[in-house]
């Protein structure tokens, strides 16, 4: 069941990547579907439900803190509208869906690396693909898709051991 849900999550991640890249809009129902499939896989791979809840709460607090910090920096220094101008609603929804899927240590490592991946890939996309804004949710979903795909098809250490 866990592998099947990983495949479902991978399918949703492909849809998010494609839609964010091509249309710069992602269908809203993909985010709850991603959150649900990642959360079930996460739950099936941790030993106690209390630990699962603790990880989810901590991840949500981290995402909320990061978004709040971005909002405050944006409001105080950049002084432009934040949501749907500098930071898309799809990006916000992706952050929270992503937070459901992994233990906190794994989440922080994957989150930071997916942001770094986006930072490295975007200049090439801008130069060769004529992309004006960063498709953050799409690029992060591509990174998570790669990590999950590797964990399904190649024997790698478990993402849920922390």
Protein backbone atom coordinates (compact mmCIF):
# COMPACT_ATOMS: atom_id res chain seq x y z
CA UNK A 1 0.00 0.00 0.00
CA UNK A 2 2.84 2.39 0.84
CA UNK A 3 4.50 1.94 -2.55
CA UNK A 4 1.19 2.46 -4.34
CA UNK A 5 0.62 5.71 -2.45
CA UNK A 6 4.16 6.81 -3.31
CA UNK A 7 3.30 6.23 -6.97
CA UNK A 8 0.10 8.27 -6.54
CA UNK A 9 2.11 11.05 -4.89
CA UNK A 10 4.61 10.89 -7.77
CA UNK A 11 1.75 11.22 -10.27
CA UNK A 12 0.40 14.26 -8.45
CA UNK A 13 3.89 15.77 -8.34
CA UNK A 14 4.20 15.30 -12.11
CA UNK A 15 0.86 17.09 -12.60
CA UNK A 16 1.94 19.97 -10.34
CA UNK A 17 5.26 20.30 -12.16
CA UNK A 18 3.65 20.27 -15.59
CA UNK A 19 0.84 22.69 -14.73
CA UNK A 20 3.08 25.14 -12.91
CA UNK A 21 5.60 25.12 -15.72
CA UNK A 22 3.16 25.35 -18.63
CA UNK A 23 0.22 27.32 -17.28
CA UNK A 24 1.63 28.97 -14.13
CA UNK A 25 -1.52 27.72 -12.39
CA UNK A 26 -2.11 24.45 -10.61
CA UNK A 27 -5.52 22.90 -10.03
CA UNK A 28 -6.36 23.39 -6.36
CA UNK A 29 -7.43 19.80 -5.63
CA UNK A 30 -3.94 18.49 -6.39
CA UNK A 31 -2.56 20.00 -3.19
CA UNK A 32 -4.93 18.19 -0.78
CA UNK A 33 -4.43 15.00 -2.81
CA UNK A 34 -0.67 15.38 -2.48
CA UNK A 35 -0.93 16.16 1.24
CA UNK A 36 -3.18 13.14 1.84
CA UNK A 37 -1.03 10.67 -0.11
CA UNK A 38 2.22 11.91 1.44
CA UNK A 39 0.69 11.91 4.93
CA UNK A 40 -0.55 8.33 4.61
CA UNK A 41 2.86 7.14 3.39
CA UNK A 42 4.46 9.05 6.27
CA UNK A 43 2.03 7.55 8.79
CA UNK A 44 2.62 4.01 7.52
CA UNK A 45 6.38 4.42 7.91
CA UNK A 46 6.57 5.76 11.48
CA UNK A 47 6.20 3.56 14.52
CA UNK A 48 3.78 5.59 16.61
CA UNK A 49 0.92 7.87 15.67
CA UNK A 50 1.96 10.33 18.37
CA UNK A 51 5.34 10.79 16.67
CA UNK A 52 3.56 11.27 13.34
CA UNK A 53 1.42 14.04 14.84
CA UNK A 54 4.45 15.65 16.44
CA UNK A 55 6.33 15.67 13.12
CA UNK A 56 3.36 17.16 11.26
CA UNK A 57 2.86 19.88 13.89
CA UNK A 58 6.53 20.79 13.89
CA UNK A 59 6.68 20.87 10.07
CA UNK A 60 3.59 23.07 9.89
CA UNK A 61 5.07 25.46 12.45
CA UNK A 62 8.31 25.63 10.44
CA UNK A 63 6.45 26.39 7.21
CA UNK A 64 4.28 28.99 8.95
CA UNK A 65 7.37 30.65 10.43
CA UNK A 66 9.14 30.73 7.06
CA UNK A 67 6.11 32.17 5.26
CA UNK A 68 5.52 34.72 8.03
CA UNK A 69 9.15 35.80 7.86
CA UNK A 70 8.93 36.13 4.06
CA UNK A 71 5.73 38.13 4.42
CA UNK A 72 7.24 40.51 6.97
CA UNK A 73 10.43 41.03 4.96
CA UNK A 74 8.35 41.64 1.88
CA UNK A 75 6.00 44.08 3.61
CA UNK A 76 8.74 46.06 5.34
CA UNK A 77 11.38 46.29 2.59
CA UNK A 78 9.89 45.49 -0.78
CA UNK A 79 6.49 47.09 -0.11
CA UNK A 80 4.54 45.30 -2.82
CA UNK A 81 1.65 42.86 -2.51
CA UNK A 82 2.93 39.51 -1.23
CA UNK A 83 0.46 36.78 -2.16
CA UNK A 84 0.03 36.15 -5.89
CA UNK A 85 2.60 38.81 -6.76
CA UNK A 86 5.86 37.73 -5.20
CA UNK A 87 4.73 34.43 -3.74
CA UNK A 88 1.96 32.38 -5.28
CA UNK A 89 -0.90 30.70 -3.51
CA UNK A 90 0.13 27.45 -5.18
CA UNK A 91 3.58 27.77 -3.65
CA UNK A 92 2.04 28.25 -0.21
CA UNK A 93 -0.27 25.27 -0.64
CA UNK A 94 2.64 23.17 -1.88
CA UNK A 95 4.71 24.07 1.19
CA UNK A 96 1.96 22.82 3.51
CA UNK A 97 1.27 19.68 1.46
CA UNK A 98 5.00 18.92 1.41
CA UNK A 99 5.15 19.36 5.21
CA UNK A 100 2.73 16.47 5.67
CA UNK A 101 4.98 13.93 4.02
CA UNK A 102 8.13 13.49 6.05
CA UNK A 103 9.64 13.46 9.54
CA UNK A 104 10.96 16.86 10.55
CA UNK A 105 14.67 16.24 9.94
CA UNK A 106 13.98 14.73 6.52
CA UNK A 107 11.52 17.53 5.72
CA UNK A 108 14.02 20.27 6.56
CA UNK A 109 16.74 18.63 4.45
CA UNK A 110 14.40 18.03 1.50
CA UNK A 111 12.81 21.48 1.80
CA UNK A 112 16.17 23.29 1.87
CA UNK A 113 17.56 21.20 -0.98
CA UNK A 114 14.45 21.68 -3.10
CA UNK A 115 14.73 25.45 -2.65
CA UNK A 116 18.42 25.26 -3.57
CA UNK A 117 17.52 23.13 -6.60
CA UNK A 118 14.99 25.77 -7.67
CA UNK A 119 17.57 28.51 -7.20
CA UNK A 120 20.06 26.67 -9.41
CA UNK A 121 17.61 25.58 -12.14
CA UNK A 122 15.65 28.82 -12.57
CA UNK A 123 18.43 30.88 -14.23
CA UNK A 124 18.74 28.20 -16.93
CA UNK A 125 14.97 28.15 -17.39
CA UNK A 126 14.92 31.92 -17.65
CA UNK A 127 17.74 31.98 -20.20
CA UNK A 128 16.57 29.10 -22.40
CA UNK A 129 12.86 28.79 -21.66
CA UNK A 130 11.75 32.41 -21.54
CA UNK A 131 10.21 31.96 -18.09
CA UNK A 132 9.58 35.32 -16.40
CA UNK A 133 8.81 34.15 -12.87
CA UNK A 134 9.97 31.22 -10.77
CA UNK A 135 7.63 28.20 -10.95
CA UNK A 136 8.58 27.38 -7.35
CA UNK A 137 5.94 24.73 -6.62
CA UNK A 138 6.72 23.06 -9.94
CA UNK A 139 10.48 22.99 -9.41
CA UNK A 140 10.13 21.82 -5.82
CA UNK A 141 7.72 19.10 -6.95
CA UNK A 142 10.27 17.97 -9.54
CA UNK A 143 12.88 17.65 -6.80
CA UNK A 144 10.53 15.73 -4.47
CA UNK A 145 9.42 13.57 -7.40
CA UNK A 146 13.04 12.64 -8.04
CA UNK A 147 13.64 11.77 -4.37
CA UNK A 148 10.43 9.73 -4.08
CA UNK A 149 11.05 8.05 -7.43
CA UNK A 150 14.50 7.00 -6.33
CA UNK A 151 13.10 5.62 -3.08
CA UNK A 152 10.53 3.54 -4.99
CA UNK A 153 12.73 2.15 -7.75
CA UNK A 154 16.19 2.05 -6.15
CA UNK A 155 17.08 0.60 -2.77
CA UNK A 156 17.91 3.75 -0.79
CA UNK A 157 17.92 4.46 2.94
CA UNK A 158 14.43 5.15 4.26
CA UNK A 159 13.25 8.75 4.21
CA UNK A 160 11.34 8.04 7.42
CA UNK A 161 14.08 6.85 9.78
CA UNK A 162 14.58 10.20 11.53
